[in-house]
Amino acid sequence: MNDSSPEFTGKYGPWTILKRHEVYRDPWLKVTRDDVLRPDGNPGTYSVSCMKPGVCVLAVDSAGICHLTEEFHYAVGRVTLECVSGGIDPGEDALATARRELAEELGLKASRWTSLGVVDPFTAIAVSPTQLWLAQDLEEIASNPEPTETIRHVRMPFMEVIERVMDSEITHAPSVAAILKAIRMMRQ
């Protein structure tokens, strides 16, 4: 959202926000419901979830092996295979978050970082900008996952990771984007 302040009203693209209500807030998520005039002129409501910004890191070693996470994710109710991901803490920049998450989740440190840009995983009802990173020149260090994380470190050749994306075995949108964007970076 361009203006997610609680008091914002007025024109918002082809919509008009008449009143904004904060429905829920915790450290990771804020949900607002706006009373609106829709583009067709009729009244309605529109709800938006604002998640803390995040990072997604594809770690690839000198042998072309990708280092991924495998863990149960509560929202989808299943184990997923994906790149390292996490939320950016207040006052922390995206690269610092990427480094912290790679160390915490997989016990890896990278000396070469390449930005792969940003993605908006859900543009219709959620704000969740995610910075994508390619981490290379890896070194193993001690991992330190958060108490709620039970992560298995998966090592897989880059070409197999691409096949897993194409076969919908890797479905985490920022991971898919990072993997596909890394193809070009890896060829340079």
N, C-alpha and C. Protein backbone atom coordinates (compact mmCIF):
# COMPACT_ATOMS: atom_id res chain seq x y z
N MET A 1 0.85 -1.18 0.00
CA MET A 1 0.00 0.00 0.00
C MET A 1 0.89 1.23 0.00
N ASN A 2 0.51 2.19 -0.78
CA ASN A 2 1.27 3.43 -0.81
C ASN A 2 1.14 4.18 0.48
N ASP A 3 -0.03 4.18 1.05
CA ASP A 3 -0.24 4.86 2.32
C ASP A 3 -1.05 3.95 3.22
N SER A 4 -0.38 3.30 4.16
CA SER A 4 -1.06 2.37 5.05
C SER A 4 -1.33 2.98 6.42
N SER A 5 -1.23 4.31 6.52
CA SER A 5 -1.47 4.95 7.81
C SER A 5 -2.94 4.77 8.18
N PRO A 6 -3.20 4.66 9.49
CA PRO A 6 -4.56 4.37 9.92
C PRO A 6 -5.57 5.46 9.57
N GLU A 7 -5.11 6.69 9.41
CA GLU A 7 -6.05 7.78 9.14
C GLU A 7 -6.19 8.11 7.66
N PHE A 8 -5.50 7.38 6.78
CA PHE A 8 -5.53 7.71 5.36
C PHE A 8 -6.93 7.56 4.77
N THR A 9 -7.39 8.60 4.10
CA THR A 9 -8.61 8.55 3.30
C THR A 9 -8.33 9.31 2.02
N GLY A 10 -9.15 9.06 1.02
CA GLY A 10 -9.00 9.78 -0.24
C GLY A 10 -8.83 8.84 -1.41
N LYS A 11 -8.46 9.43 -2.53
CA LYS A 11 -8.30 8.68 -3.77
C LYS A 11 -7.12 7.72 -3.65
N TYR A 12 -7.32 6.49 -4.10
CA TYR A 12 -6.29 5.45 -4.04
C TYR A 12 -6.39 4.66 -5.33
N GLY A 13 -5.62 5.10 -6.34
CA GLY A 13 -5.79 4.53 -7.68
C GLY A 13 -7.21 4.82 -8.13
N PRO A 14 -7.93 3.83 -8.69
CA PRO A 14 -9.31 4.06 -9.09
C PRO A 14 -10.31 3.90 -7.94
N TRP A 15 -9.84 3.60 -6.75
CA TRP A 15 -10.68 3.43 -5.57
C TRP A 15 -10.68 4.72 -4.75
N THR A 16 -11.67 4.89 -3.88
CA THR A 16 -11.68 5.98 -2.91
C THR A 16 -11.84 5.35 -1.52
N ILE A 17 -10.89 5.64 -0.65
CA ILE A 17 -10.96 5.13 0.72
C ILE A 17 -11.72 6.14 1.56
N LEU A 18 -12.83 5.69 2.13
CA LEU A 18 -13.66 6.56 2.97
C LEU A 18 -13.22 6.50 4.43
N LYS A 19 -12.87 5.31 4.90
CA LYS A 19 -12.43 5.14 6.28
C LYS A 19 -11.61 3.86 6.36
N ARG A 20 -10.56 3.89 7.17
CA ARG A 20 -9.70 2.73 7.37
C ARG A 20 -9.83 2.25 8.82
N HIS A 21 -9.97 0.92 8.98
CA HIS A 21 -10.07 0.30 10.30
C HIS A 21 -8.94 -0.70 10.44
N GLU A 22 -8.19 -0.60 11.53
CA GLU A 22 -7.21 -1.64 11.81
C GLU A 22 -7.92 -2.77 12.53
N VAL A 23 -7.88 -3.95 11.93
CA VAL A 23 -8.62 -5.10 12.44
C VAL A 23 -7.75 -5.95 13.36
N TYR A 24 -6.46 -6.04 13.06
CA TYR A 24 -5.57 -6.91 13.82
C TYR A 24 -4.13 -6.44 13.65
N ARG A 25 -3.31 -6.66 14.70
CA ARG A 25 -1.88 -6.35 14.61
C ARG A 25 -1.11 -7.23 15.59
N ASP A 26 0.02 -7.77 15.10
CA ASP A 26 1.01 -8.42 15.96
C ASP A 26 2.38 -8.06 15.38
N PRO A 27 3.47 -8.59 15.88
CA PRO A 27 4.78 -8.18 15.36
C PRO A 27 5.03 -8.54 13.88
N TRP A 28 4.25 -9.45 13.31
CA TRP A 28 4.49 -9.90 11.94
C TRP A 28 3.43 -9.46 10.95
N LEU A 29 2.26 -9.09 11.44
CA LEU A 29 1.12 -8.89 10.55
C LEU A 29 0.22 -7.76 11.04
N LYS A 30 -0.26 -6.97 10.08
CA LYS A 30 -1.30 -5.97 10.36
C LYS A 30 -2.38 -6.15 9.31
N VAL A 31 -3.63 -6.19 9.74
CA VAL A 31 -4.76 -6.33 8.82
C VAL A 31 -5.63 -5.09 8.94
N THR A 32 -5.90 -4.48 7.78
CA THR A 32 -6.80 -3.32 7.75
C THR A 32 -8.01 -3.65 6.87
N ARG A 33 -9.12 -3.02 7.21
CA ARG A 33 -10.32 -3.10 6.38
C ARG A 33 -10.74 -1.67 6.05
N ASP A 34 -10.81 -1.39 4.77
CA ASP A 34 -11.19 -0.06 4.31
C ASP A 34 -12.64 -0.05 3.86
N ASP A 35 -13.38 0.99 4.26
CA ASP A 35 -14.67 1.28 3.64
C ASP A 35 -14.33 2.08 2.40
N VAL A 36 -14.81 1.64 1.24
CA VAL A 36 -14.38 2.23 -0.04
C VAL A 36 -15.55 2.54 -0.95
N LEU A 37 -15.24 3.38 -1.92
CA LEU A 37 -16.05 3.47 -3.13
C LEU A 37 -15.24 2.73 -4.18
N ARG A 38 -15.84 1.68 -4.75
CA ARG A 38 -15.15 0.87 -5.74
C ARG A 38 -15.01 1.64 -7.05
N PRO A 39 -14.19 1.14 -7.97
CA PRO A 39 -14.05 1.82 -9.26
C PRO A 39 -15.36 1.99 -10.01
N ASP A 40 -16.35 1.10 -9.75
CA ASP A 40 -17.66 1.23 -10.42
C ASP A 40 -18.58 2.23 -9.72
N GLY A 41 -18.08 2.87 -8.62
CA GLY A 41 -18.86 3.87 -7.90
C GLY A 41 -19.68 3.31 -6.76
N ASN A 42 -19.78 2.01 -6.62
CA ASN A 42 -20.56 1.40 -5.55
C ASN A 42 -19.74 1.29 -4.27
N PRO A 43 -20.42 1.37 -3.12
CA PRO A 43 -19.70 1.22 -1.85
C PRO A 43 -19.28 -0.23 -1.64
N GLY A 44 -18.25 -0.41 -0.83
CA GLY A 44 -17.79 -1.75 -0.51
C GLY A 44 -16.73 -1.70 0.56
N THR A 45 -16.08 -2.82 0.77
CA THR A 45 -14.95 -2.90 1.69
C THR A 45 -13.80 -3.60 0.99
N TYR A 46 -12.60 -3.34 1.49
CA TYR A 46 -11.40 -4.00 0.96
C TYR A 46 -10.47 -4.22 2.13
N SER A 47 -10.04 -5.46 2.30
CA SER A 47 -9.13 -5.80 3.39
C SER A 47 -7.74 -6.09 2.85
N VAL A 48 -6.73 -5.65 3.60
CA VAL A 48 -5.34 -5.83 3.20
C VAL A 48 -4.54 -6.32 4.40
N SER A 49 -3.70 -7.34 4.15
CA SER A 49 -2.77 -7.84 5.15
C SER A 49 -1.40 -7.25 4.85
N CYS A 50 -0.78 -6.62 5.83
CA CYS A 50 0.57 -6.06 5.69
C CYS A 50 1.51 -6.90 6.55
N MET A 51 2.40 -7.63 5.89
CA MET A 51 3.38 -8.45 6.61
C MET A 51 4.70 -7.70 6.66
N LYS A 52 5.51 -8.01 7.65
CA LYS A 52 6.81 -7.34 7.72
C LYS A 52 7.60 -7.70 6.47
N PRO A 53 8.38 -6.77 5.92
CA PRO A 53 9.19 -7.07 4.73
C PRO A 53 10.17 -8.20 5.04
N GLY A 54 10.57 -8.89 3.99
CA GLY A 54 11.44 -10.03 4.22
C GLY A 54 12.53 -10.19 3.18
N VAL A 55 13.27 -11.28 3.35
CA VAL A 55 14.34 -11.65 2.42
C VAL A 55 14.17 -13.11 2.04
N CYS A 56 14.75 -13.45 0.89
CA CYS A 56 14.81 -14.84 0.44
C CYS A 56 16.19 -15.02 -0.17
N VAL A 57 16.92 -16.02 0.31
CA VAL A 57 18.32 -16.22 -0.07
C VAL A 57 18.51 -17.58 -0.73
N LEU A 58 19.01 -17.57 -1.96
CA LEU A 58 19.44 -18.79 -2.63
C LEU A 58 20.94 -18.90 -2.42
N ALA A 59 21.36 -19.92 -1.68
CA ALA A 59 22.78 -20.14 -1.42
C ALA A 59 23.29 -21.23 -2.36
N VAL A 60 24.36 -20.91 -3.12
CA VAL A 60 24.92 -21.85 -4.08
C VAL A 60 26.43 -21.92 -3.85
N ASP A 61 26.94 -23.15 -3.66
CA ASP A 61 28.37 -23.30 -3.40
C ASP A 61 29.16 -23.41 -4.71
N SER A 62 30.47 -23.51 -4.59
CA SER A 62 31.36 -23.50 -5.76
C SER A 62 31.16 -24.71 -6.67
N ALA A 63 30.55 -25.78 -6.17
CA ALA A 63 30.27 -26.97 -6.97
C ALA A 63 28.90 -26.90 -7.65
N GLY A 64 28.20 -25.77 -7.48
CA GLY A 64 26.87 -25.63 -8.08
C GLY A 64 25.77 -26.31 -7.29
N ILE A 65 26.04 -26.58 -6.03
CA ILE A 65 25.04 -27.19 -5.15
C ILE A 65 24.28 -26.09 -4.43
N CYS A 66 22.94 -26.17 -4.48
CA CYS A 66 22.09 -25.23 -3.77
C CYS A 66 21.83 -25.75 -2.37
N HIS A 67 21.77 -24.84 -1.43
CA HIS A 67 21.50 -25.17 -0.03
C HIS A 67 20.13 -24.60 0.30
N LEU A 68 19.18 -25.50 0.55
CA LEU A 68 17.78 -25.14 0.77
C LEU A 68 17.32 -25.57 2.15
N THR A 69 16.16 -25.07 2.54
CA THR A 69 15.54 -25.47 3.80
C THR A 69 14.36 -26.38 3.51
N GLU A 70 14.13 -27.31 4.41
CA GLU A 70 12.94 -28.15 4.35
C GLU A 70 12.36 -28.13 5.75
N GLU A 71 11.11 -27.67 5.85
CA GLU A 71 10.47 -27.61 7.15
C GLU A 71 8.96 -27.54 6.99
N PHE A 72 8.27 -27.88 8.07
CA PHE A 72 6.81 -27.77 8.11
C PHE A 72 6.45 -26.30 8.23
N HIS A 73 5.54 -25.85 7.36
CA HIS A 73 5.03 -24.47 7.44
C HIS A 73 3.56 -24.50 7.82
N TYR A 74 3.27 -23.89 8.93
CA TYR A 74 1.95 -23.93 9.57
C TYR A 74 0.83 -23.49 8.63
N ALA A 75 1.01 -22.37 7.91
CA ALA A 75 -0.08 -21.82 7.10
C ALA A 75 -0.53 -22.78 6.01
N VAL A 76 0.41 -23.45 5.34
CA VAL A 76 0.04 -24.37 4.26
C VAL A 76 -0.15 -25.80 4.76
N GLY A 77 0.25 -26.05 6.01
CA GLY A 77 0.01 -27.35 6.62
C GLY A 77 0.81 -28.50 6.05
N ARG A 78 2.02 -28.20 5.55
CA ARG A 78 2.85 -29.26 4.97
C ARG A 78 4.31 -28.86 5.01
N VAL A 79 5.16 -29.84 4.75
CA VAL A 79 6.59 -29.61 4.66
C VAL A 79 6.88 -29.00 3.29
N THR A 80 7.69 -27.95 3.26
CA THR A 80 8.04 -27.31 2.00
C THR A 80 9.55 -27.27 1.84
N LEU A 81 9.98 -27.24 0.59
CA LEU A 81 11.37 -27.08 0.22
C LEU A 81 11.50 -25.68 -0.34
N GLU A 82 12.42 -24.89 0.22
CA GLU A 82 12.55 -23.50 -0.24
C GLU A 82 13.91 -22.93 0.11
N CYS A 83 14.14 -21.74 -0.40
CA CYS A 83 15.35 -21.00 -0.07
C CYS A 83 15.22 -20.48 1.37
N VAL A 84 16.32 -20.05 1.93
CA VAL A 84 16.31 -19.43 3.26
C VAL A 84 15.47 -18.16 3.20
N SER A 85 14.57 -17.99 4.15
CA SER A 85 13.71 -16.81 4.16
C SER A 85 13.50 -16.32 5.58
N GLY A 86 13.21 -15.04 5.70
CA GLY A 86 12.92 -14.49 7.01
C GLY A 86 12.53 -13.03 6.94
N GLY A 87 12.02 -12.53 8.06
CA GLY A 87 11.56 -11.16 8.13
C GLY A 87 12.67 -10.20 8.53
N ILE A 88 12.59 -9.01 7.98
CA ILE A 88 13.54 -7.93 8.28
C ILE A 88 13.11 -7.27 9.59
N ASP A 89 13.99 -7.29 10.58
CA ASP A 89 13.69 -6.66 11.86
C ASP A 89 13.74 -5.14 11.73
N PRO A 90 12.97 -4.42 12.55
CA PRO A 90 13.02 -2.95 12.50
C PRO A 90 14.44 -2.44 12.67
N GLY A 91 14.86 -1.54 11.81
CA GLY A 91 16.19 -0.96 11.87
C GLY A 91 17.26 -1.79 11.19
N GLU A 92 16.93 -2.96 10.71
CA GLU A 92 17.89 -3.85 10.05
C GLU A 92 17.76 -3.69 8.54
N ASP A 93 18.87 -3.68 7.81
CA ASP A 93 18.74 -3.61 6.35
C ASP A 93 18.61 -5.02 5.79
N ALA A 94 18.18 -5.10 4.53
CA ALA A 94 17.87 -6.39 3.91
C ALA A 94 19.09 -7.31 3.84
N LEU A 95 20.25 -6.79 3.50
CA LEU A 95 21.44 -7.64 3.40
C LEU A 95 21.83 -8.20 4.77
N ALA A 96 21.74 -7.38 5.80
CA ALA A 96 22.04 -7.86 7.15
C ALA A 96 21.07 -8.99 7.54
N THR A 97 19.81 -8.83 7.17
CA THR A 97 18.82 -9.87 7.44
C THR A 97 19.17 -11.14 6.68
N ALA A 98 19.53 -11.00 5.41
CA ALA A 98 19.88 -12.16 4.59
C ALA A 98 21.05 -12.92 5.21
N ARG A 99 22.06 -12.19 5.64
CA ARG A 99 23.23 -12.83 6.28
C ARG A 99 22.84 -13.54 7.57
N ARG A 100 22.01 -12.86 8.38
CA ARG A 100 21.57 -13.43 9.66
C ARG A 100 20.76 -14.70 9.43
N GLU A 101 19.82 -14.66 8.49
CA GLU A 101 18.96 -15.81 8.24
C GLU A 101 19.75 -17.00 7.69
N LEU A 102 20.71 -16.74 6.78
CA LEU A 102 21.52 -17.82 6.22
C LEU A 102 22.33 -18.51 7.32
N ALA A 103 22.87 -17.71 8.23
CA ALA A 103 23.63 -18.27 9.35
C ALA A 103 22.73 -19.04 10.31
N GLU A 104 21.60 -18.42 10.69
CA GLU A 104 20.69 -19.05 11.65
C GLU A 104 20.12 -20.36 11.11
N GLU A 105 19.59 -20.34 9.89
CA GLU A 105 18.84 -21.48 9.39
C GLU A 105 19.71 -22.61 8.84
N LEU A 106 20.82 -22.28 8.17
CA LEU A 106 21.63 -23.32 7.54
C LEU A 106 23.06 -23.39 8.04
N GLY A 107 23.46 -22.47 8.90
CA GLY A 107 24.84 -22.49 9.36
C GLY A 107 25.82 -22.20 8.24
N LEU A 108 25.48 -21.21 7.41
CA LEU A 108 26.35 -20.82 6.30
C LEU A 108 26.65 -19.34 6.35
N LYS A 109 27.84 -19.01 5.89
CA LYS A 109 28.28 -17.63 5.74
C LYS A 109 28.73 -17.49 4.30
N ALA A 110 28.35 -16.40 3.64
CA ALA A 110 28.73 -16.17 2.25
C ALA A 110 29.58 -14.91 2.16
N SER A 111 30.62 -14.96 1.32
CA SER A 111 31.44 -13.77 1.14
C SER A 111 31.07 -13.01 -0.15
N ARG A 112 30.19 -13.60 -0.97
CA ARG A 112 29.75 -12.89 -2.18
C ARG A 112 28.22 -12.88 -2.21
N TRP A 113 27.67 -11.66 -2.27
CA TRP A 113 26.23 -11.46 -2.26
C TRP A 113 25.82 -10.69 -3.51
N THR A 114 24.77 -11.16 -4.18
CA THR A 114 24.24 -10.48 -5.35
C THR A 114 22.76 -10.26 -5.15
N SER A 115 22.34 -9.01 -5.29
CA SER A 115 20.90 -8.72 -5.19
C SER A 115 20.21 -9.21 -6.45
N LEU A 116 19.09 -9.90 -6.25
CA LEU A 116 18.27 -10.37 -7.36
C LEU A 116 16.98 -9.56 -7.47
N GLY A 117 16.92 -8.45 -6.75
CA GLY A 117 15.74 -7.58 -6.83
C GLY A 117 14.72 -7.87 -5.75
N VAL A 118 13.52 -7.49 -6.02
CA VAL A 118 12.42 -7.60 -5.05
C VAL A 118 11.21 -8.22 -5.74
N VAL A 119 10.42 -8.95 -4.96
CA VAL A 119 9.14 -9.46 -5.44
C VAL A 119 8.05 -9.10 -4.44
N ASP A 120 6.84 -8.97 -4.96
CA ASP A 120 5.64 -8.81 -4.15
C ASP A 120 4.85 -10.10 -4.30
N PRO A 121 4.99 -11.05 -3.35
CA PRO A 121 4.38 -12.37 -3.53
C PRO A 121 2.87 -12.38 -3.70
N PHE A 122 2.18 -11.41 -3.10
CA PHE A 122 0.71 -11.38 -3.15
C PHE A 122 0.27 -9.96 -3.40
N THR A 123 -0.12 -9.61 -4.60
CA THR A 123 -0.42 -8.21 -4.89
C THR A 123 -1.89 -7.83 -4.70
N ALA A 124 -2.79 -8.79 -4.59
CA ALA A 124 -4.21 -8.46 -4.50
C ALA A 124 -4.67 -8.12 -3.08
N ILE A 125 -4.17 -8.85 -2.08
CA ILE A 125 -4.68 -8.64 -0.72
C ILE A 125 -3.59 -8.52 0.33
N ALA A 126 -2.33 -8.56 -0.08
CA ALA A 126 -1.26 -8.53 0.91
C ALA A 126 -0.09 -7.66 0.45
N VAL A 127 0.53 -7.02 1.41
CA VAL A 127 1.76 -6.27 1.19
C VAL A 127 2.85 -7.07 1.89
N SER A 128 3.82 -7.56 1.12
CA SER A 128 4.87 -8.39 1.68
C SER A 128 6.11 -8.32 0.79
N PRO A 129 6.71 -7.13 0.65
CA PRO A 129 7.89 -7.03 -0.23
C PRO A 129 9.03 -7.91 0.27
N THR A 130 9.60 -8.67 -0.66
CA THR A 130 10.66 -9.61 -0.31
C THR A 130 11.88 -9.35 -1.18
N GLN A 131 13.01 -9.04 -0.53
CA GLN A 131 14.28 -8.83 -1.23
C GLN A 131 14.91 -10.18 -1.51
N LEU A 132 15.33 -10.40 -2.76
CA LEU A 132 15.93 -11.67 -3.16
C LEU A 132 17.44 -11.54 -3.24
N TRP A 133 18.14 -12.59 -2.80
CA TRP A 133 19.61 -12.58 -2.78
C TRP A 133 20.17 -13.91 -3.28
N LEU A 134 21.29 -13.82 -3.97
CA LEU A 134 22.10 -14.97 -4.33
C LEU A 134 23.34 -14.91 -3.45
N ALA A 135 23.58 -15.96 -2.66
CA ALA A 135 24.73 -16.02 -1.76
C ALA A 135 25.70 -17.07 -2.30
N GLN A 136 26.97 -16.66 -2.47
CA GLN A 136 27.99 -17.55 -3.01
C GLN A 136 29.27 -17.45 -2.18
N ASP A 137 30.25 -18.29 -2.52
CA ASP A 137 31.49 -18.38 -1.76
C ASP A 137 31.15 -18.68 -0.30
N LEU A 138 30.59 -19.86 -0.10
CA LEU A 138 30.03 -20.26 1.19
C LEU A 138 31.06 -20.88 2.12
N GLU A 139 30.81 -20.66 3.40
CA GLU A 139 31.63 -21.25 4.46
C GLU A 139 30.67 -21.76 5.53
N GLU A 140 30.93 -22.96 6.04
CA GLU A 140 30.08 -23.52 7.09
C GLU A 140 30.42 -22.92 8.45
N ILE A 141 29.37 -22.58 9.20
CA ILE A 141 29.49 -22.09 10.57
C ILE A 141 28.39 -22.79 11.38
N ALA A 142 28.29 -22.49 12.64
CA ALA A 142 27.23 -23.10 13.47
C ALA A 142 25.88 -22.47 13.14
N SER A 143 24.86 -23.31 12.98
CA SER A 143 23.51 -22.79 12.76
C SER A 143 22.87 -22.49 14.11
N ASN A 144 21.83 -21.67 14.09
CA ASN A 144 21.15 -21.28 15.32
C ASN A 144 19.70 -20.94 14.99
N PRO A 145 18.90 -21.94 14.58
CA PRO A 145 17.51 -21.64 14.21
C PRO A 145 16.70 -21.15 15.41
N GLU A 146 15.63 -20.42 15.09
CA GLU A 146 14.73 -19.95 16.13
C GLU A 146 14.04 -21.15 16.77
N PRO A 147 13.56 -21.02 18.02
CA PRO A 147 12.94 -22.16 18.71
C PRO A 147 11.74 -22.76 17.97
N THR A 148 11.06 -21.98 17.15
CA THR A 148 9.89 -22.49 16.42
C THR A 148 10.26 -23.17 15.10
N GLU A 149 11.55 -23.19 14.76
CA GLU A 149 11.99 -23.74 13.48
C GLU A 149 12.66 -25.10 13.65
N THR A 150 12.16 -26.08 12.91
CA THR A 150 12.81 -27.38 12.81
C THR A 150 13.16 -27.54 11.34
N ILE A 151 14.40 -27.20 11.01
CA ILE A 151 14.83 -27.09 9.62
C ILE A 151 15.79 -28.22 9.26
N ARG A 152 15.55 -28.83 8.11
CA ARG A 152 16.50 -29.79 7.55
C ARG A 152 17.24 -29.10 6.42
N HIS A 153 18.56 -29.15 6.46
CA HIS A 153 19.44 -28.55 5.45
C HIS A 153 19.49 -29.51 4.26
N VAL A 154 18.99 -29.07 3.10
CA VAL A 154 18.95 -29.90 1.90
C VAL A 154 19.96 -29.36 0.89
N ARG A 155 20.80 -30.26 0.39
CA ARG A 155 21.78 -29.90 -0.63
C ARG A 155 21.35 -30.57 -1.94
N MET A 156 21.32 -29.76 -3.02
CA MET A 156 20.79 -30.27 -4.27
C MET A 156 21.45 -29.54 -5.44
N PRO A 157 21.82 -30.27 -6.51
CA PRO A 157 22.39 -29.59 -7.68
C PRO A 157 21.42 -28.55 -8.25
N PHE A 158 21.98 -27.45 -8.75
CA PHE A 158 21.18 -26.34 -9.26
C PHE A 158 20.18 -26.80 -10.31
N MET A 159 20.58 -27.66 -11.22
CA MET A 159 19.67 -28.12 -12.27
C MET A 159 18.49 -28.90 -11.69
N GLU A 160 18.73 -29.66 -10.63
CA GLU A 160 17.62 -30.38 -9.98
C GLU A 160 16.68 -29.41 -9.29
N VAL A 161 17.22 -28.35 -8.70
CA VAL A 161 16.39 -27.33 -8.06
C VAL A 161 15.47 -26.70 -9.10
N ILE A 162 16.00 -26.40 -10.29
CA ILE A 162 15.17 -25.82 -11.35
C ILE A 162 14.06 -26.79 -11.73
N GLU A 163 14.38 -28.08 -11.83
CA GLU A 163 13.35 -29.09 -12.14
C GLU A 163 12.29 -29.13 -11.04
N ARG A 164 12.70 -29.00 -9.79
CA ARG A 164 11.73 -29.00 -8.67
C ARG A 164 10.79 -27.80 -8.77
N VAL A 165 11.31 -26.67 -9.24
CA VAL A 165 10.45 -25.50 -9.47
C VAL A 165 9.46 -25.82 -10.59
N MET A 166 9.96 -26.33 -11.69
CA MET A 166 9.12 -26.59 -12.86
C MET A 166 8.08 -27.68 -12.59
N ASP A 167 8.37 -28.60 -11.68
CA ASP A 167 7.44 -29.67 -11.32
C ASP A 167 6.53 -29.28 -10.14
N SER A 168 6.56 -28.02 -9.72
CA SER A 168 5.77 -27.51 -8.60
C SER A 168 6.05 -28.23 -7.29
N GLU A 169 7.28 -28.69 -7.12
CA GLU A 169 7.70 -29.24 -5.84
C GLU A 169 8.29 -28.14 -4.96
N ILE A 170 8.75 -27.06 -5.56
CA ILE A 170 9.12 -25.84 -4.83
C ILE A 170 8.06 -24.82 -5.23
N THR A 171 7.24 -24.42 -4.24
CA THR A 171 6.09 -23.55 -4.53
C THR A 171 6.17 -22.19 -3.84
N HIS A 172 7.11 -22.01 -2.93
CA HIS A 172 7.27 -20.74 -2.22
C HIS A 172 7.64 -19.67 -3.25
N ALA A 173 6.75 -18.71 -3.48
CA ALA A 173 6.91 -17.76 -4.58
C ALA A 173 8.25 -17.01 -4.57
N PRO A 174 8.71 -16.46 -3.44
CA PRO A 174 10.01 -15.79 -3.48
C PRO A 174 11.16 -16.75 -3.83
N SER A 175 11.08 -18.00 -3.37
CA SER A 175 12.11 -18.98 -3.72
C SER A 175 12.10 -19.24 -5.23
N VAL A 176 10.91 -19.43 -5.79
CA VAL A 176 10.79 -19.66 -7.23
C VAL A 176 11.40 -18.50 -8.00
N ALA A 177 11.06 -17.28 -7.60
CA ALA A 177 11.60 -16.09 -8.29
C ALA A 177 13.11 -16.03 -8.15
N ALA A 178 13.63 -16.27 -6.95
CA ALA A 178 15.08 -16.20 -6.73
C ALA A 178 15.80 -17.25 -7.58
N ILE A 179 15.27 -18.45 -7.62
CA ILE A 179 15.89 -19.53 -8.39
C ILE A 179 15.90 -19.19 -9.87
N LEU A 180 14.76 -18.75 -10.38
CA LEU A 180 14.69 -18.44 -11.81
C LEU A 180 15.54 -17.21 -12.17
N LYS A 181 15.58 -16.22 -11.31
CA LYS A 181 16.43 -15.05 -11.57
C LYS A 181 17.91 -15.41 -11.49
N ALA A 182 18.24 -16.36 -10.62
CA ALA A 182 19.65 -16.76 -10.46
C ALA A 182 20.20 -17.46 -11.71
N ILE A 183 19.32 -18.04 -12.50
CA ILE A 183 19.79 -18.70 -13.73
C ILE A 183 20.62 -17.73 -14.56
N ARG A 184 20.12 -16.53 -14.76
CA ARG A 184 20.86 -15.52 -15.54
C ARG A 184 22.15 -15.13 -14.86
N MET A 185 22.10 -14.95 -13.53
CA MET A 185 23.31 -14.54 -12.80
C MET A 185 24.38 -15.63 -12.84
N MET A 186 23.96 -16.88 -12.79
CA MET A 186 24.89 -18.00 -12.79
C MET A 186 25.57 -18.18 -14.15
N ARG A 187 24.93 -17.71 -15.21
CA ARG A 187 25.49 -17.82 -16.56
C ARG A 187 26.52 -16.73 -16.85
N GLN A 188 26.52 -15.67 -16.08
CA GLN A 188 27.44 -14.54 -16.34
C GLN A 188 28.83 -14.82 -15.83
